[in-house]
Amino acid sequence: MVRELMTAEPLIALEGLHALKHALRFGADLVDVLAPEPERVLALAAELAPDLDLAGRIRRVAPEALGSRPHHTGVLAYARRPPFDPAALGPGHVVLLEEPRHGGNVGAVIRVAAAAGAAAVLTTGARDPWDRDALRGSAGLHFALPVGRGEPDGRPLIAVHPAGEPLGALPADATLAFGTERAGLSAALLARADARVAIPMRPGVSSLNLATAAAVALYMARSGFSQRSVVEMDRMPTDS
């Protein structure tokens, strides 16, 4: 969801207190905060986000100003979309989503990547990673790291693929590429990848949700975790 100002400036809609909270914590440039009951929002913020001061920032509006499906916390904010340059990313692992199809999955990956301290989340294809579904899925954490279309240059490209080597330590600045759950990574990307790595899984389990796979890969790569096969783990005795 975006709103157009008189200047035709596109604004990002942040639906709900959780999204507003995260956006503020990570430096979002807020333009407007709307609520039919500002007092209720302030009370909720005092309970759930006492580090933030929203006093005087919430504009009272009619309920219909929040749209046909208002968030249950009763607040809607608008912020400017930050600039994005895929050639100017900081240190850390980059997540690359090749032609993602579902905005909710993109948002969930962004949320995971922010928690894991990733350097950025990049996408290819037609879908805007800042669309409404993605913003809902990330709970405002688009503002915690660079998010946009493109591919980083000069970083090792690691394809997360079932036929790869078991995932362990990776270069600290590697790009981890993920494909769609149904189609996986394209042959073109696999051909130019510097390496292929696989997430160890129990036999019979064919795939993971995209955000789950990204979470496992990011945390394993960051920690350099070396995992025995899931089959061995499954055979280990357990306490009764």
Protein backbone atom coordinates (compact mmCIF):
# COMPACT_ATOMS: atom_id res chain seq x y z
CA MET A 1 0.00 0.00 0.00
CA VAL A 2 1.33 3.44 -0.87
CA ARG A 3 -0.18 6.87 -0.64
CA GLU A 4 0.57 9.63 -3.12
CA LEU A 5 1.21 13.16 -1.82
CA MET A 6 0.63 16.33 -3.80
CA THR A 7 4.27 15.98 -4.86
CA ALA A 8 3.61 12.41 -6.09
CA GLU A 9 6.08 11.15 -3.49
CA PRO A 10 5.42 7.44 -2.82
CA LEU A 11 4.99 6.64 0.84
CA ILE A 12 5.25 3.29 2.59
CA ALA A 13 2.27 2.27 4.73
CA LEU A 14 3.05 0.71 8.11
CA GLU A 15 0.02 -1.16 9.39
CA GLY A 16 -0.11 -1.68 13.14
CA LEU A 17 1.96 -0.81 16.18
CA HIS A 18 4.47 -3.62 15.68
CA ALA A 19 5.44 -2.33 12.23
CA LEU A 20 5.54 1.27 13.48
CA LYS A 21 7.69 0.27 16.44
CA HIS A 22 10.31 -1.48 14.32
CA ALA A 23 10.35 1.25 11.70
CA LEU A 24 11.01 3.92 14.34
CA ARG A 25 13.72 1.87 16.04
CA PHE A 26 15.60 1.62 12.76
CA GLY A 27 15.36 5.23 11.69
CA ALA A 28 12.33 5.39 9.41
CA ASP A 29 11.48 8.88 8.17
CA LEU A 30 7.86 9.12 9.32
CA VAL A 31 5.48 11.48 7.56
CA ASP A 32 2.18 10.76 9.32
CA VAL A 33 0.73 8.54 12.07
CA LEU A 34 -3.04 8.04 12.09
CA ALA A 35 -5.36 6.55 14.71
CA PRO A 36 -9.08 6.86 15.57
CA GLU A 37 -8.13 6.51 19.26
CA PRO A 38 -4.64 7.92 19.86
CA GLU A 39 -4.98 7.36 23.62
CA ARG A 40 -5.40 3.62 23.10
CA VAL A 41 -2.33 3.48 20.86
CA LEU A 42 -0.24 5.45 23.36
CA ALA A 43 -1.26 3.11 26.17
CA LEU A 44 -0.37 0.08 24.06
CA ALA A 45 2.96 1.63 23.09
CA ALA A 46 3.77 2.32 26.74
CA GLU A 47 3.26 -1.38 27.42
CA LEU A 48 4.90 -2.94 24.35
CA ALA A 49 7.46 -0.33 23.29
CA PRO A 50 8.33 1.90 26.26
CA ASP A 51 11.55 2.96 24.50
CA LEU A 52 9.54 4.98 21.99
CA ASP A 53 7.89 8.35 22.54
CA LEU A 54 4.80 8.74 20.37
CA ALA A 55 3.31 11.61 22.32
CA GLY A 56 2.20 14.36 19.97
CA ARG A 57 2.96 12.30 16.87
CA ILE A 58 -0.43 10.62 16.36
CA ARG A 59 -3.14 12.39 14.41
CA ARG A 60 -6.74 11.59 15.33
CA VAL A 61 -8.76 10.48 12.29
CA ALA A 62 -12.06 8.80 11.50
CA PRO A 63 -11.92 4.97 11.57
CA GLU A 64 -12.40 4.75 7.79
CA ALA A 65 -9.07 6.55 7.28
CA LEU A 66 -7.36 3.27 8.25
CA GLY A 67 -8.88 1.47 5.26
CA SER A 68 -11.30 -1.40 4.90
CA ARG A 69 -9.12 -3.83 6.85
CA PRO A 70 -7.62 -1.80 9.71
CA HIS A 71 -5.01 -3.39 11.92
CA HIS A 72 -6.33 -4.52 15.29
CA THR A 73 -3.97 -2.14 17.10
CA GLY A 74 -5.75 0.78 15.44
CA VAL A 75 -2.82 2.66 13.97
CA LEU A 76 -1.54 3.34 10.46
CA ALA A 77 1.66 5.24 9.72
CA TYR A 78 3.30 6.51 6.54
CA ALA A 79 7.05 6.75 6.00
CA ARG A 80 9.36 7.61 3.14
CA ARG A 81 11.01 4.72 1.37
CA PRO A 82 14.75 4.87 2.04
CA PRO A 83 17.23 5.07 -0.84
CA PHE A 84 18.77 1.81 -1.98
CA ASP A 85 22.10 1.10 -3.69
CA PRO A 86 23.04 -2.60 -4.18
CA ALA A 87 26.63 -1.51 -4.83
CA ALA A 88 27.00 0.10 -1.39
CA LEU A 89 26.19 -2.71 1.04
CA GLY A 90 27.91 -3.15 4.37
CA PRO A 91 29.68 -6.25 5.71
CA GLY A 92 27.84 -9.47 6.38
CA HIS A 93 25.86 -12.10 4.52
CA VAL A 94 23.46 -10.96 1.81
CA VAL A 95 20.25 -12.84 1.08
CA LEU A 96 19.30 -13.04 -2.59
CA LEU A 97 15.77 -14.23 -3.47
CA GLU A 98 15.51 -15.22 -7.12
CA GLU A 99 12.16 -14.18 -8.56
CA PRO A 100 10.09 -14.66 -5.38
CA ARG A 101 6.36 -15.10 -5.96
CA HIS A 102 4.76 -14.49 -2.59
CA GLY A 103 5.12 -11.14 -0.86
CA GLY A 104 4.42 -12.64 2.56
CA ASN A 105 7.40 -14.96 2.16
CA VAL A 106 9.60 -12.03 1.13
CA GLY A 107 8.57 -10.13 4.24
CA ALA A 108 9.19 -13.12 6.47
CA VAL A 109 12.70 -13.51 5.01
CA ILE A 110 13.39 -9.82 5.64
CA ARG A 111 12.29 -10.27 9.25
CA VAL A 112 14.62 -13.24 9.68
CA ALA A 113 17.51 -11.48 7.95
CA ALA A 114 17.13 -8.44 10.20
CA ALA A 115 17.20 -10.65 13.29
CA ALA A 116 20.29 -12.50 12.07
CA GLY A 117 22.18 -9.30 11.29
CA ALA A 118 22.35 -9.83 7.52
CA ALA A 119 23.78 -7.09 5.34
CA ALA A 120 20.79 -6.90 2.97
CA VAL A 121 17.93 -8.71 1.29
CA LEU A 122 17.89 -8.43 -2.49
CA THR A 123 15.40 -9.79 -5.00
CA THR A 124 15.20 -10.35 -8.72
CA GLY A 125 12.09 -10.46 -10.87
CA ALA A 126 9.01 -8.33 -11.17
CA ARG A 127 7.77 -8.32 -7.57
CA ASP A 128 8.57 -5.21 -5.55
CA PRO A 129 10.07 -6.36 -2.22
CA TRP A 130 8.41 -3.30 -0.63
CA ASP A 131 4.87 -4.21 -1.65
CA ARG A 132 2.01 -4.40 0.86
CA ASP A 133 2.21 -8.14 1.51
CA ALA A 134 5.98 -8.00 2.05
CA LEU A 135 5.65 -5.06 4.43
CA ARG A 136 3.06 -6.94 6.45
CA GLY A 137 5.30 -10.00 6.61
CA SER A 138 8.34 -8.07 7.82
CA ALA A 139 6.53 -6.20 10.62
CA GLY A 140 8.34 -2.98 9.75
CA LEU A 141 11.82 -4.52 9.59
CA HIS A 142 12.36 -3.39 6.01
CA PHE A 143 13.94 -0.36 7.69
CA ALA A 144 16.47 -2.47 9.61
CA LEU A 145 18.61 -3.33 6.58
CA PRO A 146 18.86 -2.49 2.87
CA VAL A 147 16.05 -4.08 0.84
CA GLY A 148 15.66 -3.78 -2.91
CA ARG A 149 16.02 -5.30 -6.34
CA GLY A 150 19.43 -6.20 -7.72
CA GLU A 151 22.44 -8.40 -7.14
CA PRO A 152 25.60 -7.45 -5.25
CA ASP A 153 28.90 -7.43 -7.12
CA GLY A 154 32.18 -8.83 -5.88
CA ARG A 155 30.79 -11.20 -3.25
CA PRO A 156 31.02 -15.00 -3.36
CA LEU A 157 27.71 -16.36 -4.66
CA ILE A 158 26.52 -19.40 -2.70
CA ALA A 159 23.50 -21.29 -4.03
CA VAL A 160 21.37 -22.96 -1.36
CA HIS A 161 20.45 -26.15 -3.19
CA PRO A 162 19.52 -29.72 -2.17
CA ALA A 163 22.42 -31.17 -4.16
CA GLY A 164 25.03 -28.99 -2.45
CA GLU A 165 27.63 -29.77 0.19
CA PRO A 166 26.42 -29.74 3.83
CA LEU A 167 26.11 -26.16 4.99
CA GLY A 168 28.78 -25.00 7.41
CA ALA A 169 31.14 -22.03 7.64
CA LEU A 170 30.94 -19.63 4.69
CA PRO A 171 32.78 -16.44 3.72
CA ALA A 172 31.57 -13.60 5.93
CA ASP A 173 30.50 -11.52 2.93
CA ALA A 174 28.87 -14.30 0.90
CA THR A 175 25.59 -13.89 -0.94
CA LEU A 176 23.20 -16.74 -0.11
CA ALA A 177 20.82 -17.34 -3.02
CA PHE A 178 17.41 -18.97 -2.56
CA GLY A 179 14.92 -19.98 -5.22
CA THR A 180 11.19 -20.50 -5.04
CA GLU A 181 9.87 -23.51 -3.15
CA ARG A 182 8.41 -25.06 -6.30
CA ALA A 183 10.98 -24.23 -8.98
CA GLY A 184 14.14 -23.69 -6.93
CA LEU A 185 17.07 -21.74 -8.36
CA SER A 186 17.41 -21.24 -12.09
CA ALA A 187 20.01 -23.14 -14.10
CA ALA A 188 21.63 -19.81 -15.00
CA LEU A 189 22.20 -18.83 -11.38
CA LEU A 190 23.39 -22.31 -10.44
CA ALA A 191 25.90 -22.21 -13.30
CA ARG A 192 27.55 -19.02 -12.07
CA ALA A 193 27.44 -19.82 -8.35
CA ASP A 194 30.81 -20.18 -6.65
CA ALA A 195 29.49 -23.04 -4.52
CA ARG A 196 26.32 -24.96 -3.66
CA VAL A 197 25.35 -25.77 -0.11
CA ALA A 198 22.48 -27.80 1.30
CA ILE A 199 20.59 -27.59 4.58
CA PRO A 200 20.74 -31.04 6.19
CA MET A 201 17.26 -32.46 6.65
CA ARG A 202 15.76 -35.68 7.88
CA PRO A 203 15.12 -38.19 5.07
CA GLY A 204 11.63 -37.89 3.69
CA VAL A 205 11.40 -34.14 4.28
CA SER A 206 11.60 -32.56 0.84
CA SER A 207 11.73 -28.83 1.55
CA LEU A 208 11.45 -25.99 4.04
CA ASN A 209 9.43 -22.80 3.94
CA LEU A 210 11.52 -20.06 2.34
CA ALA A 211 11.85 -17.97 5.51
CA THR A 212 12.71 -21.06 7.56
CA ALA A 213 15.41 -22.04 5.08
CA ALA A 214 16.83 -18.52 5.16
CA ALA A 215 16.85 -18.53 8.96
CA VAL A 216 18.66 -21.87 9.16
CA ALA A 217 21.20 -20.90 6.53
CA LEU A 218 21.95 -17.47 8.00
CA TYR A 219 22.43 -18.68 11.54
CA MET A 220 24.44 -21.75 10.53
CA ALA A 221 26.63 -19.68 8.23
CA ARG A 222 27.16 -17.01 10.86
CA SER A 223 28.15 -19.49 13.55
CA GLY A 224 30.14 -21.84 11.32
CA PHE A 225 28.04 -24.68 12.68
CA SER A 226 29.18 -28.10 11.50
CA GLN A 227 26.32 -30.57 11.62
CA ARG A 228 26.35 -34.34 11.63
CA SER A 229 23.79 -35.90 9.37
CA VAL A 230 20.22 -35.71 10.54
CA VAL A 231 20.08 -39.48 10.20
CA GLU A 232 22.83 -39.86 12.81
CA MET A 233 21.08 -37.41 15.11
CA ASP A 234 17.82 -39.28 14.70
CA ARG A 235 19.52 -42.48 15.87
CA MET A 236 21.06 -40.97 18.97
CA PRO A 237 19.59 -42.24 22.25
CA THR A 238 17.35 -39.86 24.15
CA ASP A 239 16.64 -39.57 27.83
CA SER A 240 13.53 -41.41 28.89
